[in-house]
Amino acid sequence: MAETIVCAVDDSEAAGQVLDTARGLADVWPAGVLVVHAVGAEQDADEAGASVRARLAEAGELPELRLVEGSPAEAIMEAADREDAELLVVGSRGCGPLRSAVLGSVSRELASRARVPW
């Protein structure tokens, strides 16, 4: 049984749906949900945190939100490892194949490299 589910979100419209998925899984398992958001060095952490909190407010009560610094995939994987998470829930923005190929995909990298199921 999962004890901790790490839910990685960005500040997109899909963030609430990702959190809803994590909450649904936590209801099935006796698990807590930790929401993480990766913040780049060039970003203001307070501003990024406020943006994510505002986006997730529509999804109901917000579990703990932890801002992690660094490359998104690396920072999210490190957070999952630190929390000894048994499950990682992430979303996809659906950027389309061209943009995804040029910019890379955090979800794709997590799916291929994370040490926990997603």
N, C-alpha and C. Protein backbone atom coordinates (compact mmCIF):
# COMPACT_ATOMS: atom_id res chain seq x y z
N MET A 1 0.83 -1.19 0.00
CA MET A 1 0.00 0.00 0.00
C MET A 1 0.87 1.25 0.00
N ALA A 2 0.46 2.23 -0.74
CA ALA A 2 1.20 3.47 -0.82
C ALA A 2 1.01 4.28 0.45
N GLU A 3 2.07 4.90 0.92
CA GLU A 3 1.98 5.79 2.07
C GLU A 3 2.07 7.24 1.63
N THR A 4 2.87 7.50 0.59
CA THR A 4 3.02 8.86 0.09
C THR A 4 2.91 8.86 -1.43
N ILE A 5 2.06 9.74 -1.91
CA ILE A 5 1.93 9.97 -3.33
C ILE A 5 2.46 11.37 -3.59
N VAL A 6 3.46 11.48 -4.45
CA VAL A 6 3.97 12.78 -4.86
C VAL A 6 3.24 13.18 -6.13
N CYS A 7 2.64 14.35 -6.09
CA CYS A 7 1.86 14.87 -7.21
C CYS A 7 2.60 16.09 -7.75
N ALA A 8 3.16 15.97 -8.94
CA ALA A 8 3.94 17.05 -9.53
C ALA A 8 3.05 17.86 -10.46
N VAL A 9 3.00 19.17 -10.21
CA VAL A 9 2.15 20.05 -11.02
C VAL A 9 2.94 21.24 -11.53
N ASP A 10 2.43 21.80 -12.61
CA ASP A 10 2.94 23.09 -13.09
C ASP A 10 1.83 24.10 -12.86
N ASP A 11 1.91 25.24 -13.48
CA ASP A 11 0.86 26.24 -13.27
C ASP A 11 -0.14 26.28 -14.42
N SER A 12 -0.26 25.17 -15.14
CA SER A 12 -1.19 25.10 -16.26
C SER A 12 -2.60 24.80 -15.77
N GLU A 13 -3.56 24.90 -16.68
CA GLU A 13 -4.95 24.60 -16.36
C GLU A 13 -5.14 23.14 -15.95
N ALA A 14 -4.26 22.27 -16.37
CA ALA A 14 -4.38 20.84 -16.07
C ALA A 14 -3.96 20.49 -14.65
N ALA A 15 -3.36 21.41 -13.92
CA ALA A 15 -2.84 21.11 -12.58
C ALA A 15 -3.93 20.58 -11.64
N GLY A 16 -5.10 21.15 -11.69
CA GLY A 16 -6.19 20.70 -10.83
C GLY A 16 -6.60 19.27 -11.13
N GLN A 17 -6.60 18.92 -12.41
CA GLN A 17 -6.96 17.55 -12.79
C GLN A 17 -5.91 16.55 -12.32
N VAL A 18 -4.65 16.96 -12.36
CA VAL A 18 -3.58 16.09 -11.88
C VAL A 18 -3.75 15.86 -10.38
N LEU A 19 -4.03 16.94 -9.64
CA LEU A 19 -4.25 16.82 -8.20
C LEU A 19 -5.47 15.95 -7.92
N ASP A 20 -6.54 16.11 -8.69
CA ASP A 20 -7.73 15.27 -8.49
C ASP A 20 -7.40 13.79 -8.67
N THR A 21 -6.55 13.49 -9.65
CA THR A 21 -6.13 12.10 -9.87
C THR A 21 -5.36 11.58 -8.67
N ALA A 22 -4.42 12.38 -8.17
CA ALA A 22 -3.64 11.97 -6.99
C ALA A 22 -4.56 11.75 -5.79
N ARG A 23 -5.52 12.64 -5.61
CA ARG A 23 -6.46 12.49 -4.49
C ARG A 23 -7.29 11.21 -4.64
N GLY A 24 -7.73 10.92 -5.85
CA GLY A 24 -8.50 9.70 -6.08
C GLY A 24 -7.70 8.46 -5.74
N LEU A 25 -6.44 8.45 -6.12
CA LEU A 25 -5.57 7.32 -5.79
C LEU A 25 -5.33 7.23 -4.29
N ALA A 26 -5.17 8.39 -3.64
CA ALA A 26 -4.96 8.41 -2.18
C ALA A 26 -6.19 7.89 -1.45
N ASP A 27 -7.37 8.09 -2.02
CA ASP A 27 -8.60 7.57 -1.40
C ASP A 27 -8.66 6.05 -1.46
N VAL A 28 -8.13 5.48 -2.55
CA VAL A 28 -8.13 4.03 -2.72
C VAL A 28 -7.09 3.39 -1.79
N TRP A 29 -5.93 4.02 -1.71
CA TRP A 29 -4.87 3.53 -0.81
C TRP A 29 -4.85 4.42 0.42
N PRO A 30 -4.39 3.92 1.52
CA PRO A 30 -4.20 4.81 2.68
C PRO A 30 -2.91 5.62 2.47
N ALA A 31 -3.03 6.73 1.75
CA ALA A 31 -1.84 7.50 1.38
C ALA A 31 -2.06 8.98 1.59
N GLY A 32 -0.98 9.67 1.87
CA GLY A 32 -0.99 11.12 1.89
C GLY A 32 -0.52 11.64 0.55
N VAL A 33 -0.91 12.87 0.23
CA VAL A 33 -0.50 13.49 -1.03
C VAL A 33 0.39 14.68 -0.72
N LEU A 34 1.53 14.72 -1.38
CA LEU A 34 2.44 15.85 -1.33
C LEU A 34 2.51 16.44 -2.72
N VAL A 35 2.16 17.70 -2.86
CA VAL A 35 2.22 18.37 -4.16
C VAL A 35 3.56 19.05 -4.28
N VAL A 36 4.25 18.83 -5.41
CA VAL A 36 5.52 19.50 -5.66
C VAL A 36 5.43 20.29 -6.96
N HIS A 37 6.15 21.39 -6.96
CA HIS A 37 6.24 22.24 -8.15
C HIS A 37 7.70 22.65 -8.30
N ALA A 38 8.26 22.39 -9.47
CA ALA A 38 9.66 22.72 -9.72
C ALA A 38 9.79 24.19 -10.11
N VAL A 39 10.75 24.85 -9.46
CA VAL A 39 11.00 26.26 -9.70
C VAL A 39 12.42 26.39 -10.24
N GLY A 40 12.56 27.04 -11.39
CA GLY A 40 13.88 27.27 -11.97
C GLY A 40 14.60 28.40 -11.25
N ALA A 41 15.89 28.45 -11.40
CA ALA A 41 16.71 29.47 -10.74
C ALA A 41 16.29 30.88 -11.13
N GLU A 42 15.75 31.02 -12.34
CA GLU A 42 15.37 32.35 -12.82
C GLU A 42 13.99 32.78 -12.33
N GLN A 43 13.26 31.89 -11.67
CA GLN A 43 11.91 32.19 -11.21
C GLN A 43 11.91 32.69 -9.77
N ASP A 44 10.94 33.51 -9.44
CA ASP A 44 10.72 33.94 -8.07
C ASP A 44 9.87 32.86 -7.38
N ALA A 45 10.43 32.23 -6.35
CA ALA A 45 9.75 31.11 -5.70
C ALA A 45 8.41 31.53 -5.09
N ASP A 46 8.35 32.70 -4.46
CA ASP A 46 7.09 33.14 -3.86
C ASP A 46 6.01 33.34 -4.92
N GLU A 47 6.41 33.95 -6.02
CA GLU A 47 5.47 34.18 -7.12
C GLU A 47 5.00 32.85 -7.72
N ALA A 48 5.94 31.93 -7.93
CA ALA A 48 5.60 30.63 -8.50
C ALA A 48 4.67 29.87 -7.57
N GLY A 49 4.97 29.90 -6.27
CA GLY A 49 4.12 29.21 -5.29
C GLY A 49 2.72 29.79 -5.27
N ALA A 50 2.62 31.12 -5.31
CA ALA A 50 1.30 31.77 -5.30
C ALA A 50 0.52 31.41 -6.55
N SER A 51 1.20 31.34 -7.68
CA SER A 51 0.54 31.00 -8.95
C SER A 51 -0.02 29.58 -8.90
N VAL A 52 0.75 28.65 -8.40
CA VAL A 52 0.31 27.26 -8.32
C VAL A 52 -0.83 27.12 -7.31
N ARG A 53 -0.69 27.78 -6.16
CA ARG A 53 -1.76 27.72 -5.15
C ARG A 53 -3.07 28.26 -5.72
N ALA A 54 -2.99 29.37 -6.45
CA ALA A 54 -4.19 29.96 -7.04
C ALA A 54 -4.81 29.01 -8.06
N ARG A 55 -3.97 28.37 -8.86
CA ARG A 55 -4.46 27.44 -9.87
C ARG A 55 -5.15 26.25 -9.21
N LEU A 56 -4.57 25.76 -8.10
CA LEU A 56 -5.10 24.56 -7.45
C LEU A 56 -6.27 24.86 -6.52
N ALA A 57 -6.49 26.13 -6.19
CA ALA A 57 -7.56 26.50 -5.27
C ALA A 57 -8.92 26.02 -5.78
N GLU A 58 -9.07 25.98 -7.08
CA GLU A 58 -10.33 25.53 -7.67
C GLU A 58 -10.57 24.04 -7.43
N ALA A 59 -9.51 23.29 -7.13
CA ALA A 59 -9.62 21.85 -6.93
C ALA A 59 -9.94 21.50 -5.48
N GLY A 60 -10.17 22.48 -4.64
CA GLY A 60 -10.50 22.21 -3.24
C GLY A 60 -9.31 22.44 -2.33
N GLU A 61 -9.39 21.84 -1.15
CA GLU A 61 -8.35 22.04 -0.14
C GLU A 61 -7.00 21.54 -0.68
N LEU A 62 -5.99 22.37 -0.51
CA LEU A 62 -4.66 22.05 -1.03
C LEU A 62 -3.84 21.28 0.00
N PRO A 63 -3.35 20.11 -0.38
CA PRO A 63 -2.42 19.41 0.52
C PRO A 63 -1.12 20.22 0.60
N GLU A 64 -0.18 19.72 1.32
CA GLU A 64 1.11 20.41 1.43
C GLU A 64 1.68 20.64 0.04
N LEU A 65 2.15 21.86 -0.20
CA LEU A 65 2.81 22.21 -1.45
C LEU A 65 4.27 22.48 -1.16
N ARG A 66 5.14 21.77 -1.83
CA ARG A 66 6.57 21.98 -1.65
C ARG A 66 7.16 22.43 -2.98
N LEU A 67 7.85 23.56 -2.93
CA LEU A 67 8.56 24.05 -4.11
C LEU A 67 9.94 23.42 -4.12
N VAL A 68 10.32 22.86 -5.26
CA VAL A 68 11.63 22.23 -5.41
C VAL A 68 12.38 22.98 -6.49
N GLU A 69 13.65 23.18 -6.28
CA GLU A 69 14.44 24.00 -7.20
C GLU A 69 15.29 23.13 -8.10
N GLY A 70 15.34 23.54 -9.37
CA GLY A 70 16.21 22.87 -10.32
C GLY A 70 15.46 22.47 -11.58
N SER A 71 16.15 21.68 -12.37
CA SER A 71 15.55 21.12 -13.58
C SER A 71 14.31 20.35 -13.15
N PRO A 72 13.15 20.60 -13.79
CA PRO A 72 11.92 20.00 -13.29
C PRO A 72 11.97 18.48 -13.09
N ALA A 73 12.38 17.73 -14.08
CA ALA A 73 12.38 16.27 -13.92
C ALA A 73 13.30 15.83 -12.80
N GLU A 74 14.49 16.38 -12.76
CA GLU A 74 15.45 16.02 -11.71
C GLU A 74 14.93 16.39 -10.33
N ALA A 75 14.41 17.60 -10.20
CA ALA A 75 13.93 18.08 -8.90
C ALA A 75 12.73 17.25 -8.43
N ILE A 76 11.85 16.89 -9.34
CA ILE A 76 10.68 16.08 -8.97
C ILE A 76 11.12 14.68 -8.56
N MET A 77 12.05 14.08 -9.32
CA MET A 77 12.54 12.74 -8.96
C MET A 77 13.23 12.77 -7.60
N GLU A 78 14.02 13.80 -7.33
CA GLU A 78 14.69 13.92 -6.04
C GLU A 78 13.68 14.05 -4.91
N ALA A 79 12.62 14.83 -5.13
CA ALA A 79 11.58 14.98 -4.11
C ALA A 79 10.90 13.65 -3.84
N ALA A 80 10.58 12.92 -4.89
CA ALA A 80 9.94 11.60 -4.73
C ALA A 80 10.86 10.66 -3.96
N ASP A 81 12.15 10.70 -4.25
CA ASP A 81 13.11 9.85 -3.53
C ASP A 81 13.21 10.25 -2.06
N ARG A 82 13.30 11.56 -1.80
CA ARG A 82 13.41 12.05 -0.42
C ARG A 82 12.20 11.65 0.41
N GLU A 83 11.04 11.70 -0.20
CA GLU A 83 9.79 11.37 0.51
C GLU A 83 9.53 9.87 0.54
N ASP A 84 10.39 9.10 -0.11
CA ASP A 84 10.20 7.66 -0.23
C ASP A 84 8.82 7.36 -0.80
N ALA A 85 8.46 8.14 -1.80
CA ALA A 85 7.14 8.01 -2.43
C ALA A 85 7.00 6.66 -3.09
N GLU A 86 5.81 6.15 -3.02
CA GLU A 86 5.53 4.88 -3.68
C GLU A 86 4.82 5.08 -5.01
N LEU A 87 4.40 6.32 -5.27
CA LEU A 87 3.72 6.62 -6.51
C LEU A 87 3.96 8.08 -6.87
N LEU A 88 4.12 8.33 -8.14
CA LEU A 88 4.33 9.68 -8.66
C LEU A 88 3.23 9.97 -9.67
N VAL A 89 2.50 11.07 -9.45
CA VAL A 89 1.42 11.45 -10.35
C VAL A 89 1.83 12.73 -11.06
N VAL A 90 1.87 12.69 -12.38
CA VAL A 90 2.22 13.85 -13.19
C VAL A 90 1.23 13.97 -14.33
N GLY A 91 1.16 15.13 -14.90
CA GLY A 91 0.28 15.35 -16.04
C GLY A 91 1.09 15.68 -17.28
N SER A 92 0.38 15.90 -18.34
CA SER A 92 1.00 16.31 -19.58
C SER A 92 0.24 17.52 -20.10
N ARG A 93 0.95 18.51 -20.51
CA ARG A 93 0.31 19.71 -21.02
C ARG A 93 -0.28 19.50 -22.40
N GLY A 94 0.19 18.48 -23.09
CA GLY A 94 -0.31 18.23 -24.44
C GLY A 94 0.14 19.30 -25.41
N CYS A 95 1.42 19.60 -25.38
CA CYS A 95 1.99 20.67 -26.21
C CYS A 95 1.95 20.35 -27.69
N GLY A 96 1.78 19.11 -28.03
CA GLY A 96 1.84 18.72 -29.43
C GLY A 96 3.22 18.18 -29.74
N PRO A 97 3.33 17.39 -30.80
CA PRO A 97 4.58 16.70 -31.08
C PRO A 97 5.75 17.62 -31.41
N LEU A 98 5.53 18.70 -32.16
CA LEU A 98 6.64 19.56 -32.53
C LEU A 98 7.21 20.29 -31.32
N ARG A 99 6.35 20.93 -30.56
CA ARG A 99 6.82 21.66 -29.39
C ARG A 99 7.46 20.71 -28.39
N SER A 100 6.87 19.54 -28.21
CA SER A 100 7.42 18.56 -27.29
C SER A 100 8.81 18.10 -27.73
N ALA A 101 9.00 17.91 -29.02
CA ALA A 101 10.30 17.48 -29.53
C ALA A 101 11.35 18.55 -29.34
N VAL A 102 10.97 19.80 -29.51
CA VAL A 102 11.93 20.90 -29.37
C VAL A 102 12.24 21.18 -27.91
N LEU A 103 11.23 21.26 -27.07
CA LEU A 103 11.41 21.64 -25.68
C LEU A 103 11.69 20.47 -24.75
N GLY A 104 11.39 19.27 -25.19
CA GLY A 104 11.50 18.12 -24.30
C GLY A 104 10.24 18.01 -23.47
N SER A 105 10.09 16.94 -22.75
CA SER A 105 8.89 16.73 -21.97
C SER A 105 9.25 16.21 -20.59
N VAL A 106 8.86 16.97 -19.57
CA VAL A 106 9.12 16.56 -18.20
C VAL A 106 8.41 15.24 -17.92
N SER A 107 7.14 15.13 -18.36
CA SER A 107 6.42 13.88 -18.11
C SER A 107 7.10 12.69 -18.77
N ARG A 108 7.57 12.88 -19.99
CA ARG A 108 8.24 11.78 -20.69
C ARG A 108 9.52 11.39 -19.96
N GLU A 109 10.28 12.37 -19.52
CA GLU A 109 11.51 12.07 -18.80
C GLU A 109 11.22 11.36 -17.48
N LEU A 110 10.21 11.82 -16.76
CA LEU A 110 9.85 11.16 -15.51
C LEU A 110 9.39 9.73 -15.76
N ALA A 111 8.60 9.54 -16.79
CA ALA A 111 8.10 8.19 -17.10
C ALA A 111 9.24 7.24 -17.42
N SER A 112 10.27 7.73 -18.05
CA SER A 112 11.37 6.85 -18.44
C SER A 112 12.44 6.71 -17.36
N ARG A 113 12.54 7.68 -16.43
CA ARG A 113 13.65 7.66 -15.48
C ARG A 113 13.25 7.54 -14.02
N ALA A 114 12.02 7.80 -13.67
CA ALA A 114 11.62 7.78 -12.25
C ALA A 114 11.76 6.38 -11.69
N ARG A 115 12.11 6.32 -10.43
CA ARG A 115 12.31 5.04 -9.76
C ARG A 115 11.04 4.54 -9.09
N VAL A 116 9.95 5.29 -9.23
CA VAL A 116 8.67 4.88 -8.66
C VAL A 116 7.64 4.80 -9.78
N PRO A 117 6.58 4.02 -9.59
CA PRO A 117 5.54 3.98 -10.62
C PRO A 117 4.89 5.34 -10.79
N TRP A 118 4.39 5.60 -11.98
CA TRP A 118 3.70 6.86 -12.26
C TRP A 118 2.40 6.56 -12.94
